[in-house]
Amino acid sequence: MPKMKTKRAAAKRFKVTGSGRIRRAAAGKQHRMMRGDKNPARMRRLRKNKMVQPCDFENIRRLIPYKFKGA
């Protein structure tokens, strides 16, 4: 069977943790960050990485097959 191709866009957006969970960046941090649009506490929260929800895990796992230890 031929090798599977990794979707490069997904590989750049998602990272796999040591325990096998998938990290993603927080949404809403691309623009409109000044002049009172987003307060400082909100900006601090957006800095942190989030985890992918379990319902989306399998779909993303298919996009980046070689990032997992078991694959």
N, C-alpha and C. Protein backbone atom coordinates (compact mmCIF):
# COMPACT_ATOMS: atom_id res chain seq x y z
N MET A 1 0.84 -1.18 0.00
CA MET A 1 0.00 0.00 0.00
C MET A 1 0.89 1.24 0.00
N PRO A 2 0.57 2.26 -0.80
CA PRO A 2 1.42 3.46 -0.83
C PRO A 2 1.31 4.27 0.44
N LYS A 3 2.30 5.12 0.63
CA LYS A 3 2.28 5.97 1.80
C LYS A 3 1.15 6.98 1.68
N MET A 4 0.62 7.37 2.83
CA MET A 4 -0.43 8.39 2.85
C MET A 4 0.23 9.76 2.83
N LYS A 5 -0.43 10.72 2.22
CA LYS A 5 0.10 12.08 2.20
C LYS A 5 -0.46 12.86 3.38
N THR A 6 0.41 13.64 4.00
CA THR A 6 -0.01 14.54 5.08
C THR A 6 -0.56 15.81 4.45
N LYS A 7 -1.69 16.28 4.97
CA LYS A 7 -2.23 17.57 4.53
C LYS A 7 -1.40 18.66 5.18
N ARG A 8 -0.64 19.38 4.37
CA ARG A 8 0.35 20.32 4.91
C ARG A 8 -0.29 21.46 5.68
N ALA A 9 -1.46 21.90 5.27
CA ALA A 9 -2.13 22.98 6.00
C ALA A 9 -2.47 22.53 7.41
N ALA A 10 -2.91 21.29 7.56
CA ALA A 10 -3.25 20.78 8.89
C ALA A 10 -1.99 20.57 9.72
N ALA A 11 -0.91 20.12 9.09
CA ALA A 11 0.33 19.88 9.82
C ALA A 11 0.89 21.18 10.41
N LYS A 12 0.63 22.30 9.75
CA LYS A 12 1.11 23.58 10.25
C LYS A 12 0.22 24.13 11.37
N ARG A 13 -1.03 23.69 11.41
CA ARG A 13 -1.96 24.23 12.40
C ARG A 13 -2.06 23.42 13.67
N PHE A 14 -1.77 22.12 13.60
CA PHE A 14 -1.96 21.24 14.74
C PHE A 14 -0.64 20.61 15.15
N LYS A 15 -0.44 20.46 16.47
CA LYS A 15 0.71 19.75 17.02
C LYS A 15 0.19 18.67 17.94
N VAL A 16 0.92 17.57 18.04
CA VAL A 16 0.52 16.47 18.90
C VAL A 16 1.36 16.52 20.17
N THR A 17 0.71 16.41 21.32
CA THR A 17 1.41 16.44 22.60
C THR A 17 2.04 15.08 22.86
N GLY A 18 2.83 14.99 23.91
CA GLY A 18 3.47 13.74 24.26
C GLY A 18 2.48 12.66 24.64
N SER A 19 1.34 13.06 25.19
CA SER A 19 0.32 12.08 25.58
C SER A 19 -0.61 11.73 24.43
N GLY A 20 -0.40 12.34 23.26
CA GLY A 20 -1.20 11.99 22.08
C GLY A 20 -2.39 12.87 21.82
N ARG A 21 -2.58 13.91 22.64
CA ARG A 21 -3.67 14.84 22.36
C ARG A 21 -3.22 15.85 21.32
N ILE A 22 -4.18 16.55 20.70
CA ILE A 22 -3.85 17.49 19.62
C ILE A 22 -4.07 18.91 20.11
N ARG A 23 -3.03 19.74 19.95
CA ARG A 23 -3.11 21.15 20.32
C ARG A 23 -3.48 21.98 19.12
N ARG A 24 -4.16 23.10 19.39
CA ARG A 24 -4.47 24.05 18.33
C ARG A 24 -4.36 25.46 18.91
N ALA A 25 -4.27 26.44 18.05
CA ALA A 25 -4.22 27.83 18.51
C ALA A 25 -5.63 28.33 18.78
N ALA A 26 -5.74 29.33 19.62
CA ALA A 26 -7.04 29.92 19.92
C ALA A 26 -7.50 30.78 18.75
N ALA A 27 -8.78 30.76 18.49
CA ALA A 27 -9.33 31.59 17.42
C ALA A 27 -9.53 33.02 17.92
N GLY A 28 -9.49 33.97 17.00
CA GLY A 28 -9.81 35.35 17.34
C GLY A 28 -8.61 36.21 17.69
N LYS A 29 -7.42 35.82 17.27
CA LYS A 29 -6.23 36.61 17.62
C LYS A 29 -5.50 37.11 16.38
N GLN A 30 -6.19 37.30 15.28
CA GLN A 30 -5.54 37.73 14.05
C GLN A 30 -5.60 39.24 13.84
N HIS A 31 -6.68 39.88 14.22
CA HIS A 31 -6.79 41.32 13.98
C HIS A 31 -7.75 41.92 15.00
N ARG A 32 -7.84 43.25 14.99
CA ARG A 32 -8.68 44.02 15.92
C ARG A 32 -8.32 43.74 17.37
N MET A 33 -7.05 43.96 17.69
CA MET A 33 -6.59 43.68 19.04
C MET A 33 -6.34 44.93 19.86
N MET A 34 -6.57 46.11 19.29
CA MET A 34 -6.29 47.35 20.02
C MET A 34 -7.55 48.20 20.08
N ARG A 35 -7.43 49.37 20.69
CA ARG A 35 -8.50 50.37 20.79
C ARG A 35 -9.75 49.82 21.48
N GLY A 36 -9.57 48.99 22.48
CA GLY A 36 -10.70 48.54 23.27
C GLY A 36 -11.54 47.45 22.65
N ASP A 37 -11.12 46.89 21.50
CA ASP A 37 -11.89 45.81 20.91
C ASP A 37 -11.81 44.55 21.77
N LYS A 38 -10.60 44.25 22.27
CA LYS A 38 -10.42 43.08 23.13
C LYS A 38 -9.64 43.53 24.35
N ASN A 39 -10.15 43.18 25.52
CA ASN A 39 -9.48 43.64 26.74
C ASN A 39 -8.24 42.78 27.04
N PRO A 40 -7.35 43.27 27.91
CA PRO A 40 -6.09 42.57 28.16
C PRO A 40 -6.27 41.16 28.71
N ALA A 41 -7.27 40.94 29.54
CA ALA A 41 -7.49 39.59 30.08
C ALA A 41 -7.87 38.62 28.96
N ARG A 42 -8.66 39.09 28.04
CA ARG A 42 -9.04 38.24 26.90
C ARG A 42 -7.83 37.92 26.03
N MET A 43 -6.96 38.92 25.84
CA MET A 43 -5.77 38.69 25.02
C MET A 43 -4.82 37.69 25.69
N ARG A 44 -4.73 37.73 27.01
CA ARG A 44 -3.90 36.75 27.72
C ARG A 44 -4.46 35.34 27.55
N ARG A 45 -5.78 35.21 27.61
CA ARG A 45 -6.40 33.90 27.41
C ARG A 45 -6.17 33.37 26.00
N LEU A 46 -6.19 34.25 25.01
CA LEU A 46 -6.02 33.84 23.62
C LEU A 46 -4.59 33.41 23.32
N ARG A 47 -3.63 33.80 24.16
CA ARG A 47 -2.24 33.40 23.94
C ARG A 47 -2.06 31.90 24.12
N LYS A 48 -2.84 31.31 24.99
CA LYS A 48 -2.65 29.90 25.33
C LYS A 48 -3.18 28.99 24.23
N ASN A 49 -2.59 27.81 24.14
CA ASN A 49 -3.08 26.81 23.19
C ASN A 49 -4.30 26.11 23.75
N LYS A 50 -5.16 25.67 22.87
CA LYS A 50 -6.34 24.90 23.24
C LYS A 50 -6.14 23.48 22.75
N MET A 51 -6.98 22.58 23.24
CA MET A 51 -6.96 21.20 22.79
C MET A 51 -8.13 20.96 21.84
N VAL A 52 -7.92 20.10 20.88
CA VAL A 52 -8.98 19.75 19.94
C VAL A 52 -10.03 18.91 20.67
N GLN A 53 -11.28 19.15 20.37
CA GLN A 53 -12.37 18.42 21.02
C GLN A 53 -12.37 16.96 20.56
N PRO A 54 -12.83 16.05 21.42
CA PRO A 54 -12.82 14.62 21.06
C PRO A 54 -13.61 14.30 19.80
N CYS A 55 -14.67 15.04 19.52
CA CYS A 55 -15.47 14.74 18.33
C CYS A 55 -14.70 15.05 17.04
N ASP A 56 -13.70 15.93 17.08
CA ASP A 56 -12.92 16.28 15.89
C ASP A 56 -11.61 15.50 15.79
N PHE A 57 -11.29 14.73 16.82
CA PHE A 57 -9.98 14.10 16.92
C PHE A 57 -9.70 13.17 15.74
N GLU A 58 -10.63 12.31 15.39
CA GLU A 58 -10.39 11.33 14.33
C GLU A 58 -10.20 11.99 12.96
N ASN A 59 -10.97 13.03 12.68
CA ASN A 59 -10.82 13.72 11.40
C ASN A 59 -9.43 14.34 11.27
N ILE A 60 -8.96 14.97 12.32
CA ILE A 60 -7.64 15.61 12.27
C ILE A 60 -6.55 14.56 12.24
N ARG A 61 -6.78 13.44 12.91
CA ARG A 61 -5.79 12.36 12.91
C ARG A 61 -5.58 11.81 11.50
N ARG A 62 -6.63 11.79 10.71
CA ARG A 62 -6.49 11.34 9.32
C ARG A 62 -5.71 12.34 8.47
N LEU A 63 -5.80 13.62 8.81
CA LEU A 63 -5.09 14.65 8.05
C LEU A 63 -3.59 14.63 8.31
N ILE A 64 -3.21 14.27 9.55
CA ILE A 64 -1.77 14.24 9.90
C ILE A 64 -1.41 12.84 10.42
N PRO A 65 -1.34 11.85 9.54
CA PRO A 65 -1.20 10.47 9.99
C PRO A 65 0.14 10.14 10.62
N TYR A 66 1.22 10.80 10.24
CA TYR A 66 2.55 10.41 10.72
C TYR A 66 3.01 11.20 11.93
N LYS A 67 2.14 12.01 12.51
CA LYS A 67 2.49 12.76 13.70
C LYS A 67 2.26 11.96 14.98
N PHE A 68 1.60 10.80 14.86
CA PHE A 68 1.24 10.00 16.02
C PHE A 68 2.20 8.82 16.17
N LYS A 69 2.47 8.46 17.42
CA LYS A 69 3.40 7.35 17.67
C LYS A 69 2.84 6.04 17.17
N GLY A 70 1.53 5.83 17.29
CA GLY A 70 0.92 4.58 16.90
C GLY A 70 0.78 4.41 15.39
N ALA A 71 0.88 5.49 14.63
CA ALA A 71 0.64 5.41 13.18
C ALA A 71 1.89 5.00 12.43
